[in-house]
Amino acid sequence: MLISSESTRLLAGGTDLLVEMKAGINCPTNVVSLTSISGMDYVRKEQYTDKAGDEVGKISIGALTKIRTLEQSPVIEENLPALHDAAANVAAVQIRNLATIGGNVGRAAPSADLVPALIVYGAQVTVQGPAGIRTVLLEKFDKGPGKTDLQKGEIITEISVSPMCQKKSAYEKFGKRKAMEISVAGVAVCLDMDGDICKSCRIALGSVGPTVFRACAAEAILNGSRINDEVIRAAAESAKNEARPITDIRASEEYRREIIAVLTEKMIAKALKR
């Protein structure tokens, strides 16, 4: 969803916007549907040569690609398992058949399921508008709840990441119900391992801050370390302390911190097994 003027909203899947309109929370004068735009619904694994002459891989996902498509895509499951985890846990199948990756990213919700997984992959967001085409690192794209780096007249056209076949990753969210639940807390992990040594890692936390963000101190504990239970617990405790949750109707601040510690430990272990 993109605000192109004070009275206009753009609609992709509409799973958030239409609900808000019916509830009277969001009442735009005009709604412009993007659903008939061709060429923005795809998952592509591509190879190209960079400026240094090296062969580089990239997975490109059109902004209108349905979350159900991500869930069913062999390319996503093989190369980006944390994103596959996230897609499979978005609401119900009916919602996943409507909701789009561009809408999930552009909504800028701290609880967005796909965003933590995309951030640990270093995802780039391509946007297009009157000034042309530009690319923004996803972890810098969201500026706060409902606020993004999009300028007036711009729309998201693509999300792209490098294939992660040699890296280990996982994502899980926690909700009070097993289905149709907004995330109380979510953790995505991506590890680059050399035997039992962690060469580098990324950990992203959802629903515990104004935006999805990386737990950099927890990452620093893992980076260069021989991974064992003690190191994993230390990283989980660090992620718990880095979380910036609020207390709301779904969970208290203290509860969310504890869940972050549990999920971080669990996702590191899950990723290592992959």
C-alpha atoms as a PDB file:
ATOM      1  CA  MET A   1       0.000   0.000   0.000  1.00  0.00           C
ATOM      2  CA  LEU A   2       1.336   3.432  -0.979  1.00  0.00           C
ATOM      3  CA  ILE A   3       0.073   6.906  -0.189  1.00  0.00           C
ATOM      4  CA  SER A   4       0.362   8.757  -3.500  1.00  0.00           C
ATOM      5  CA  SER A   5      -1.730  11.649  -2.216  1.00  0.00           C
ATOM      6  CA  GLU A   6      -3.636  12.453   0.952  1.00  0.00           C
ATOM      7  CA  SER A   7      -6.880  11.101  -0.515  1.00  0.00           C
ATOM      8  CA  THR A   8      -5.617   8.172  -2.613  1.00  0.00           C
ATOM      9  CA  ARG A   9      -4.421   4.690  -1.766  1.00  0.00           C
ATOM     10  CA  LEU A  10      -2.920   2.093  -4.078  1.00  0.00           C
ATOM     11  CA  LEU A  11      -4.144  -1.470  -3.667  1.00  0.00           C
ATOM     12  CA  ALA A  12      -2.228  -4.680  -4.336  1.00  0.00           C
ATOM     13  CA  GLY A  13      -3.780  -7.621  -2.458  1.00  0.00           C
ATOM     14  CA  GLY A  14      -5.958  -5.412  -0.279  1.00  0.00           C
ATOM     15  CA  THR A  15      -5.846  -7.731   2.729  1.00  0.00           C
ATOM     16  CA  ASP A  16      -5.063  -4.801   5.048  1.00  0.00           C
ATOM     17  CA  LEU A  17      -6.512  -1.815   3.214  1.00  0.00           C
ATOM     18  CA  LEU A  18      -9.984  -3.251   2.625  1.00  0.00           C
ATOM     19  CA  VAL A  19     -10.283  -4.348   6.254  1.00  0.00           C
ATOM     20  CA  GLU A  20      -9.314  -0.866   7.428  1.00  0.00           C
ATOM     21  CA  MET A  21     -11.780   0.759   5.036  1.00  0.00           C
ATOM     22  CA  LYS A  22     -14.633  -1.437   6.286  1.00  0.00           C
ATOM     23  CA  ALA A  23     -13.704  -0.592   9.877  1.00  0.00           C
ATOM     24  CA  GLY A  24     -13.584   3.133   9.097  1.00  0.00           C
ATOM     25  CA  ILE A  25      -9.917   3.367  10.092  1.00  0.00           C
ATOM     26  CA  ASN A  26      -8.738   4.312   6.608  1.00  0.00           C
ATOM     27  CA  CYS A  27     -11.168   6.162   4.343  1.00  0.00           C
ATOM     28  CA  PRO A  28      -9.471   7.313   1.119  1.00  0.00           C
ATOM     29  CA  THR A  29     -11.446   9.168  -1.523  1.00  0.00           C
ATOM     30  CA  ASN A  30      -9.849   7.094  -4.274  1.00  0.00           C
ATOM     31  CA  VAL A  31      -8.469   3.549  -4.430  1.00  0.00           C
ATOM     32  CA  VAL A  32      -6.309   2.614  -7.417  1.00  0.00           C
ATOM     33  CA  SER A  33      -5.855  -1.110  -7.998  1.00  0.00           C
ATOM     34  CA  LEU A  34      -2.483  -2.380  -9.215  1.00  0.00           C
ATOM     35  CA  THR A  35      -3.698  -5.941  -9.754  1.00  0.00           C
ATOM     36  CA  SER A  36      -4.052  -5.654 -13.534  1.00  0.00           C
ATOM     37  CA  ILE A  37      -0.466  -4.501 -14.094  1.00  0.00           C
ATOM     38  CA  SER A  38       1.313  -7.261 -16.003  1.00  0.00           C
ATOM     39  CA  GLY A  39       4.904  -8.345 -15.474  1.00  0.00           C
ATOM     40  CA  MET A  40       5.096  -7.791 -11.704  1.00  0.00           C
ATOM     41  CA  ASP A  41       4.185 -11.309 -10.561  1.00  0.00           C
ATOM     42  CA  TYR A  42       7.255 -13.569 -10.783  1.00  0.00           C
ATOM     43  CA  VAL A  43      10.030 -15.424  -8.981  1.00  0.00           C
ATOM     44  CA  ARG A  44      13.254 -15.575 -11.013  1.00  0.00           C
ATOM     45  CA  LYS A  45      16.681 -16.993 -10.268  1.00  0.00           C
ATOM     46  CA  GLU A  46      19.192 -15.169 -12.449  1.00  0.00           C
ATOM     47  CA  GLN A  47      22.936 -15.175 -13.054  1.00  0.00           C
ATOM     48  CA  TYR A  48      24.855 -12.129 -14.212  1.00  0.00           C
ATOM     49  CA  THR A  49      28.397 -10.754 -14.289  1.00  0.00           C
ATOM     50  CA  ASP A  50      29.179  -7.900 -11.912  1.00  0.00           C
ATOM     51  CA  LYS A  51      31.588  -5.003 -12.505  1.00  0.00           C
ATOM     52  CA  ALA A  52      34.497  -7.088 -11.200  1.00  0.00           C
ATOM     53  CA  GLY A  53      33.766  -9.796 -13.758  1.00  0.00           C
ATOM     54  CA  ASP A  54      32.490 -12.300 -11.189  1.00  0.00           C
ATOM     55  CA  GLU A  55      29.442 -14.470 -11.727  1.00  0.00           C
ATOM     56  CA  VAL A  56      26.733 -13.357  -9.305  1.00  0.00           C
ATOM     57  CA  GLY A  57      23.371 -14.933  -8.580  1.00  0.00           C
ATOM     58  CA  LYS A  58      20.175 -13.103  -7.766  1.00  0.00           C
ATOM     59  CA  ILE A  59      16.609 -14.065  -6.964  1.00  0.00           C
ATOM     60  CA  SER A  60      14.136 -11.420  -8.088  1.00  0.00           C
ATOM     61  CA  ILE A  61      10.535 -11.324  -6.867  1.00  0.00           C
ATOM     62  CA  GLY A  62       7.945  -9.082  -8.472  1.00  0.00           C
ATOM     63  CA  ALA A  63       6.075  -6.852  -6.053  1.00  0.00           C
ATOM     64  CA  LEU A  64       2.684  -8.313  -7.023  1.00  0.00           C
ATOM     65  CA  THR A  65       3.806 -11.885  -6.381  1.00  0.00           C
ATOM     66  CA  LYS A  66       1.343 -13.600  -4.078  1.00  0.00           C
ATOM     67  CA  ILE A  67       2.604 -14.945  -0.752  1.00  0.00           C
ATOM     68  CA  ARG A  68       1.077 -18.289  -1.676  1.00  0.00           C
ATOM     69  CA  THR A  69       3.367 -18.332  -4.734  1.00  0.00           C
ATOM     70  CA  LEU A  70       6.380 -17.889  -2.449  1.00  0.00           C
ATOM     71  CA  GLU A  71       5.144 -20.730  -0.255  1.00  0.00           C
ATOM     72  CA  GLN A  72       4.829 -23.073  -3.243  1.00  0.00           C
ATOM     73  CA  SER A  73       7.969 -21.985  -5.125  1.00  0.00           C
ATOM     74  CA  PRO A  74      10.794 -24.587  -5.297  1.00  0.00           C
ATOM     75  CA  VAL A  75      13.241 -21.721  -5.922  1.00  0.00           C
ATOM     76  CA  ILE A  76      12.270 -20.052  -2.639  1.00  0.00           C
ATOM     77  CA  GLU A  77      12.185 -23.293  -0.653  1.00  0.00           C
ATOM     78  CA  GLU A  78      15.625 -24.380  -1.895  1.00  0.00           C
ATOM     79  CA  ASN A  79      17.451 -21.063  -1.796  1.00  0.00           C
ATOM     80  CA  LEU A  80      15.638 -18.965   0.837  1.00  0.00           C
ATOM     81  CA  PRO A  81      14.185 -21.365   3.425  1.00  0.00           C
ATOM     82  CA  ALA A  82      13.578 -18.653   6.036  1.00  0.00           C
ATOM     83  CA  LEU A  83      11.420 -16.784   3.524  1.00  0.00           C
ATOM     84  CA  HIS A  84       9.618 -20.034   2.771  1.00  0.00           C
ATOM     85  CA  ASP A  85       9.039 -20.476   6.530  1.00  0.00           C
ATOM     86  CA  ALA A  86       7.620 -16.962   6.744  1.00  0.00           C
ATOM     87  CA  ALA A  87       5.350 -17.282   3.705  1.00  0.00           C
ATOM     88  CA  ALA A  88       3.892 -20.557   4.962  1.00  0.00           C
ATOM     89  CA  ASN A  89       2.924 -18.888   8.256  1.00  0.00           C
ATOM     90  CA  VAL A  90       1.126 -15.816   6.936  1.00  0.00           C
ATOM     91  CA  ALA A  91      -2.530 -15.988   8.017  1.00  0.00           C
ATOM     92  CA  ALA A  92      -4.559 -18.620   6.112  1.00  0.00           C
ATOM     93  CA  VAL A  93      -4.330 -19.967   2.560  1.00  0.00           C
ATOM     94  CA  GLN A  94      -7.146 -17.682   1.440  1.00  0.00           C
ATOM     95  CA  ILE A  95      -5.181 -14.633   2.606  1.00  0.00           C
ATOM     96  CA  ARG A  96      -1.926 -15.912   1.103  1.00  0.00           C
ATOM     97  CA  ASN A  97      -3.694 -16.216  -2.254  1.00  0.00           C
ATOM     98  CA  LEU A  98      -4.465 -12.483  -2.141  1.00  0.00           C
ATOM     99  CA  ALA A  99      -1.648 -10.858  -0.167  1.00  0.00           C
ATOM    100  CA  THR A 100       1.501  -9.798  -2.046  1.00  0.00           C
ATOM    101  CA  ILE A 101       5.148  -9.478  -1.081  1.00  0.00           C
ATOM    102  CA  GLY A 102       5.082  -5.818  -2.111  1.00  0.00           C
ATOM    103  CA  GLY A 103       2.134  -5.162   0.172  1.00  0.00           C
ATOM    104  CA  ASN A 104       3.748  -6.984   3.093  1.00  0.00           C
ATOM    105  CA  VAL A 105       6.905  -4.903   2.696  1.00  0.00           C
ATOM    106  CA  GLY A 106       5.191  -1.616   1.858  1.00  0.00           C
ATOM    107  CA  ARG A 107       2.806  -1.867   4.781  1.00  0.00           C
ATOM    108  CA  ALA A 108       5.782  -1.180   7.102  1.00  0.00           C
ATOM    109  CA  ALA A 109       4.196  -3.102   9.967  1.00  0.00           C
ATOM    110  CA  PRO A 110       6.589  -4.155  12.755  1.00  0.00           C
ATOM    111  CA  SER A 111       4.763  -7.511  12.741  1.00  0.00           C
ATOM    112  CA  ALA A 112       5.182  -8.149   8.991  1.00  0.00           C
ATOM    113  CA  ASP A 113       6.051 -11.829   8.570  1.00  0.00           C
ATOM    114  CA  LEU A 114       8.165 -11.657   5.415  1.00  0.00           C
ATOM    115  CA  VAL A 115      10.344  -8.718   6.411  1.00  0.00           C
ATOM    116  CA  PRO A 116      12.580 -10.381   9.067  1.00  0.00           C
ATOM    117  CA  ALA A 117      13.415 -13.207   6.662  1.00  0.00           C
ATOM    118  CA  LEU A 118      14.132 -10.788   3.832  1.00  0.00           C
ATOM    119  CA  ILE A 119      16.329  -8.605   6.028  1.00  0.00           C
ATOM    120  CA  VAL A 120      18.606 -11.494   7.064  1.00  0.00           C
ATOM    121  CA  TYR A 121      19.120 -12.140   3.355  1.00  0.00           C
ATOM    122  CA  GLY A 122      20.157  -8.537   2.741  1.00  0.00           C
ATOM    123  CA  ALA A 123      17.155  -7.916   0.484  1.00  0.00           C
ATOM    124  CA  GLN A 124      16.989  -4.889  -1.785  1.00  0.00           C
ATOM    125  CA  VAL A 125      13.748  -3.059  -2.617  1.00  0.00           C
ATOM    126  CA  THR A 126      13.378  -1.591  -6.105  1.00  0.00           C
ATOM    127  CA  VAL A 127      10.986   1.343  -6.381  1.00  0.00           C
ATOM    128  CA  GLN A 128       9.878   3.345  -9.386  1.00  0.00           C
ATOM    129  CA  GLY A 129       8.305   6.770  -9.685  1.00  0.00           C
ATOM    130  CA  PRO A 130       8.411  10.088 -11.543  1.00  0.00           C
ATOM    131  CA  ALA A 131      12.140  10.481 -10.798  1.00  0.00           C
ATOM    132  CA  GLY A 132      13.007   7.039 -12.182  1.00  0.00           C
ATOM    133  CA  ILE A 133      14.104   3.745 -10.635  1.00  0.00           C
ATOM    134  CA  ARG A 134      16.106   3.361  -7.441  1.00  0.00           C
ATOM    135  CA  THR A 135      17.081   0.556  -5.047  1.00  0.00           C
ATOM    136  CA  VAL A 136      16.982   0.688  -1.248  1.00  0.00           C
ATOM    137  CA  LEU A 137      18.312  -1.811   1.287  1.00  0.00           C
ATOM    138  CA  LEU A 138      15.229  -3.257   2.981  1.00  0.00           C
ATOM    139  CA  GLU A 139      16.549  -2.794   6.524  1.00  0.00           C
ATOM    140  CA  LYS A 140      16.716   0.953   5.798  1.00  0.00           C
ATOM    141  CA  PHE A 141      13.400   1.076   3.923  1.00  0.00           C
ATOM    142  CA  ASP A 142      10.960   1.083   6.842  1.00  0.00           C
ATOM    143  CA  LYS A 143      11.057   4.261   8.918  1.00  0.00           C
ATOM    144  CA  GLY A 144       8.409   3.443  11.499  1.00  0.00           C
ATOM    145  CA  PRO A 145       4.934   1.903  11.748  1.00  0.00           C
ATOM    146  CA  GLY A 146       3.255   2.596   8.409  1.00  0.00           C
ATOM    147  CA  LYS A 147       6.152   4.773   7.222  1.00  0.00           C
ATOM    148  CA  THR A 148       8.615   3.884   4.465  1.00  0.00           C
ATOM    149  CA  ASP A 149      11.275   5.468   2.282  1.00  0.00           C
ATOM    150  CA  LEU A 150       8.776   5.722  -0.593  1.00  0.00           C
ATOM    151  CA  GLN A 151       8.471   9.192  -2.063  1.00  0.00           C
ATOM    152  CA  LYS A 152       5.290  10.694  -3.500  1.00  0.00           C
ATOM    153  CA  GLY A 153       4.247   8.844  -6.636  1.00  0.00           C
ATOM    154  CA  GLU A 154       6.585   5.876  -6.118  1.00  0.00           C
ATOM    155  CA  ILE A 155       5.608   2.213  -5.947  1.00  0.00           C
ATOM    156  CA  ILE A 156       7.533  -0.923  -5.056  1.00  0.00           C
ATOM    157  CA  THR A 157       8.240  -2.961  -8.192  1.00  0.00           C
ATOM    158  CA  GLU A 158      10.631  -5.711  -7.036  1.00  0.00           C
ATOM    159  CA  ILE A 159      12.415  -7.296  -4.090  1.00  0.00           C
ATOM    160  CA  SER A 160      15.713  -9.040  -4.803  1.00  0.00           C
ATOM    161  CA  VAL A 161      18.213 -11.113  -2.824  1.00  0.00           C
ATOM    162  CA  SER A 162      21.315 -13.187  -3.529  1.00  0.00           C
ATOM    163  CA  PRO A 163      20.746 -16.964  -3.445  1.00  0.00           C
ATOM    164  CA  MET A 164      21.606 -18.457  -0.064  1.00  0.00           C
ATOM    165  CA  CYS A 165      22.101 -22.141  -0.948  1.00  0.00           C
ATOM    166  CA  GLN A 166      25.315 -22.429   1.095  1.00  0.00           C
ATOM    167  CA  LYS A 167      23.944 -20.574   4.106  1.00  0.00           C
ATOM    168  CA  LYS A 168      21.622 -21.844   6.803  1.00  0.00           C
ATOM    169  CA  SER A 169      18.495 -19.921   7.689  1.00  0.00           C
ATOM    170  CA  ALA A 170      15.182 -20.169   9.523  1.00  0.00           C
ATOM    171  CA  TYR A 171      12.245 -18.030  10.649  1.00  0.00           C
ATOM    172  CA  GLU A 172       9.459 -18.457  13.161  1.00  0.00           C
ATOM    173  CA  LYS A 173       6.879 -16.199  14.718  1.00  0.00           C
ATOM    174  CA  PHE A 174       4.970 -16.678  17.945  1.00  0.00           C
ATOM    175  CA  GLY A 175       1.271 -15.951  18.290  1.00  0.00           C
ATOM    176  CA  LYS A 176      -1.312 -16.827  20.875  1.00  0.00           C
ATOM    177  CA  ARG A 177      -3.266 -18.855  18.335  1.00  0.00           C
ATOM    178  CA  LYS A 178      -2.043 -21.393  15.759  1.00  0.00           C
ATOM    179  CA  ALA A 179      -3.712 -19.651  12.823  1.00  0.00           C
ATOM    180  CA  MET A 180      -4.676 -16.153  11.636  1.00  0.00           C
ATOM    181  CA  GLU A 181      -2.563 -14.549  14.345  1.00  0.00           C
ATOM    182  CA  ILE A 182      -0.565 -11.332  14.153  1.00  0.00           C
ATOM    183  CA  SER A 183       2.966 -11.977  15.347  1.00  0.00           C
ATOM    184  CA  VAL A 184       3.627 -11.328  19.037  1.00  0.00           C
ATOM    185  CA  ALA A 185       7.332 -11.756  18.267  1.00  0.00           C
ATOM    186  CA  GLY A 186       9.301 -13.156  15.356  1.00  0.00           C
ATOM    187  CA  VAL A 187      12.937 -14.084  14.695  1.00  0.00           C
ATOM    188  CA  ALA A 188      14.801 -14.801  11.483  1.00  0.00           C
ATOM    189  CA  VAL A 189      18.372 -16.144  11.443  1.00  0.00           C
ATOM    190  CA  CYS A 190      20.871 -16.650   8.624  1.00  0.00           C
ATOM    191  CA  LEU A 191      24.235 -18.313   9.303  1.00  0.00           C
ATOM    192  CA  ASP A 192      27.307 -18.683   7.097  1.00  0.00           C
ATOM    193  CA  MET A 193      29.152 -21.648   8.595  1.00  0.00           C
ATOM    194  CA  ASP A 194      32.608 -23.160   8.110  1.00  0.00           C
ATOM    195  CA  GLY A 195      32.293 -26.444   9.957  1.00  0.00           C
ATOM    196  CA  ASP A 196      31.207 -25.453  13.454  1.00  0.00           C
ATOM    197  CA  ILE A 197      32.637 -21.918  13.117  1.00  0.00           C
ATOM    198  CA  CYS A 198      30.206 -19.116  12.297  1.00  0.00           C
ATOM    199  CA  LYS A 199      31.860 -16.946   9.650  1.00  0.00           C
ATOM    200  CA  SER A 200      29.029 -14.422   9.699  1.00  0.00           C
ATOM    201  CA  CYS A 201      25.388 -14.203  10.662  1.00  0.00           C
ATOM    202  CA  ARG A 202      22.316 -12.017  10.608  1.00  0.00           C
ATOM    203  CA  ILE A 203      19.481 -12.013  13.128  1.00  0.00           C
ATOM    204  CA  ALA A 204      16.312  -9.972  12.559  1.00  0.00           C
ATOM    205  CA  LEU A 205      13.624  -9.343  15.167  1.00  0.00           C
ATOM    206  CA  GLY A 206       9.970  -8.606  14.404  1.00  0.00           C
ATOM    207  CA  SER A 207       7.144  -7.178  16.519  1.00  0.00           C
ATOM    208  CA  VAL A 208       9.529  -5.911  19.217  1.00  0.00           C
ATOM    209  CA  GLY A 209      10.289  -2.420  17.944  1.00  0.00           C
ATOM    210  CA  PRO A 210       8.855   0.323  15.718  1.00  0.00           C
ATOM    211  CA  THR A 211      10.345  -1.522  12.733  1.00  0.00           C
ATOM    212  CA  VAL A 212      11.836  -4.935  12.070  1.00  0.00           C
ATOM    213  CA  PHE A 213      15.547  -4.603  12.953  1.00  0.00           C
ATOM    214  CA  ARG A 214      18.760  -6.570  13.280  1.00  0.00           C
ATOM    215  CA  ALA A 215      20.083  -7.755  16.642  1.00  0.00           C
ATOM    216  CA  CYS A 216      23.640  -6.601  15.986  1.00  0.00           C
ATOM    217  CA  ALA A 217      25.041  -7.402  19.434  1.00  0.00           C
ATOM    218  CA  ALA A 218      23.703 -10.946  19.218  1.00  0.00           C
ATOM    219  CA  GLU A 219      25.235 -11.261  15.764  1.00  0.00           C
ATOM    220  CA  ALA A 220      28.604 -10.132  17.145  1.00  0.00           C
ATOM    221  CA  ILE A 221      28.535 -12.937  19.717  1.00  0.00           C
ATOM    222  CA  LEU A 222      28.113 -15.532  16.972  1.00  0.00           C
ATOM    223  CA  ASN A 223      30.451 -14.019  14.377  1.00  0.00           C
ATOM    224  CA  GLY A 224      33.778 -15.871  14.398  1.00  0.00           C
ATOM    225  CA  SER A 225      32.695 -18.152  17.234  1.00  0.00           C
ATOM    226  CA  ARG A 226      32.628 -21.918  17.499  1.00  0.00           C
ATOM    227  CA  ILE A 227      28.921 -22.572  17.876  1.00  0.00           C
ATOM    228  CA  ASN A 228      27.906 -24.481  20.983  1.00  0.00           C
ATOM    229  CA  ASP A 229      25.031 -24.353  23.458  1.00  0.00           C
ATOM    230  CA  GLU A 230      26.717 -21.701  25.597  1.00  0.00           C
ATOM    231  CA  VAL A 231      27.299 -19.358  22.657  1.00  0.00           C
ATOM    232  CA  ILE A 232      23.755 -19.863  21.397  1.00  0.00           C
ATOM    233  CA  ARG A 233      22.306 -19.031  24.812  1.00  0.00           C
ATOM    234  CA  ALA A 234      24.478 -15.905  25.039  1.00  0.00           C
ATOM    235  CA  ALA A 235      23.261 -14.738  21.630  1.00  0.00           C
ATOM    236  CA  ALA A 236      19.651 -15.396  22.616  1.00  0.00           C
ATOM    237  CA  GLU A 237      20.063 -13.400  25.840  1.00  0.00           C
ATOM    238  CA  SER A 238      21.613 -10.551  23.867  1.00  0.00           C
ATOM    239  CA  ALA A 239      18.726 -10.514  21.396  1.00  0.00           C
ATOM    240  CA  LYS A 240      16.314 -10.400  24.343  1.00  0.00           C
ATOM    241  CA  ASN A 241      18.096  -7.319  25.681  1.00  0.00           C
ATOM    242  CA  GLU A 242      18.210  -5.648  22.261  1.00  0.00           C
ATOM    243  CA  ALA A 243      14.457  -5.992  21.773  1.00  0.00           C
ATOM    244  CA  ARG A 244      12.443  -2.784  22.188  1.00  0.00           C
ATOM    245  CA  PRO A 245       8.900  -4.090  22.646  1.00  0.00           C
ATOM    246  CA  ILE A 246       5.813  -2.371  23.962  1.00  0.00           C
ATOM    247  CA  THR A 247       2.979  -3.692  26.073  1.00  0.00           C
ATOM    248  CA  ASP A 248      -0.293  -3.945  24.162  1.00  0.00           C
ATOM    249  CA  ILE A 249      -3.438  -6.044  24.015  1.00  0.00           C
ATOM    250  CA  ARG A 250      -1.557  -9.057  22.626  1.00  0.00           C
ATOM    251  CA  ALA A 251       1.426  -9.253  25.019  1.00  0.00           C
ATOM    252  CA  SER A 252       3.432  -7.417  27.634  1.00  0.00           C
ATOM    253  CA  GLU A 253       6.897  -5.994  27.068  1.00  0.00           C
ATOM    254  CA  GLU A 254       8.448  -8.557  29.421  1.00  0.00           C
ATOM    255  CA  TYR A 255       6.680 -11.472  27.747  1.00  0.00           C
ATOM    256  CA  ARG A 256       7.855 -10.395  24.299  1.00  0.00           C
ATOM    257  CA  ARG A 257      11.459 -10.212  25.498  1.00  0.00           C
ATOM    258  CA  GLU A 258      11.282 -13.752  26.844  1.00  0.00           C
ATOM    259  CA  ILE A 259       9.775 -14.999  23.589  1.00  0.00           C
ATOM    260  CA  ILE A 260      12.599 -13.348  21.624  1.00  0.00           C
ATOM    261  CA  ALA A 261      15.175 -15.243  23.696  1.00  0.00           C
ATOM    262  CA  VAL A 262      13.362 -18.546  23.156  1.00  0.00           C
ATOM    263  CA  LEU A 263      12.864 -17.999  19.420  1.00  0.00           C
ATOM    264  CA  THR A 264      16.443 -16.845  18.825  1.00  0.00           C
ATOM    265  CA  GLU A 265      17.855 -19.958  20.450  1.00  0.00           C
ATOM    266  CA  LYS A 266      15.380 -22.145  18.593  1.00  0.00           C
ATOM    267  CA  MET A 267      16.020 -20.540  15.172  1.00  0.00           C
ATOM    268  CA  ILE A 268      19.813 -20.799  15.493  1.00  0.00           C
ATOM    269  CA  ALA A 269      19.429 -24.499  16.273  1.00  0.00           C
ATOM    270  CA  LYS A 270      16.924 -24.983  13.441  1.00  0.00           C
ATOM    271  CA  ALA A 271      19.145 -23.193  10.920  1.00  0.00           C
ATOM    272  CA  LEU A 272      22.177 -25.269  11.925  1.00  0.00           C
ATOM    273  CA  LYS A 273      20.269 -28.479  11.163  1.00  0.00           C
ATOM    274  CA  ARG A 274      19.463 -27.394   7.610  1.00  0.00           C
END
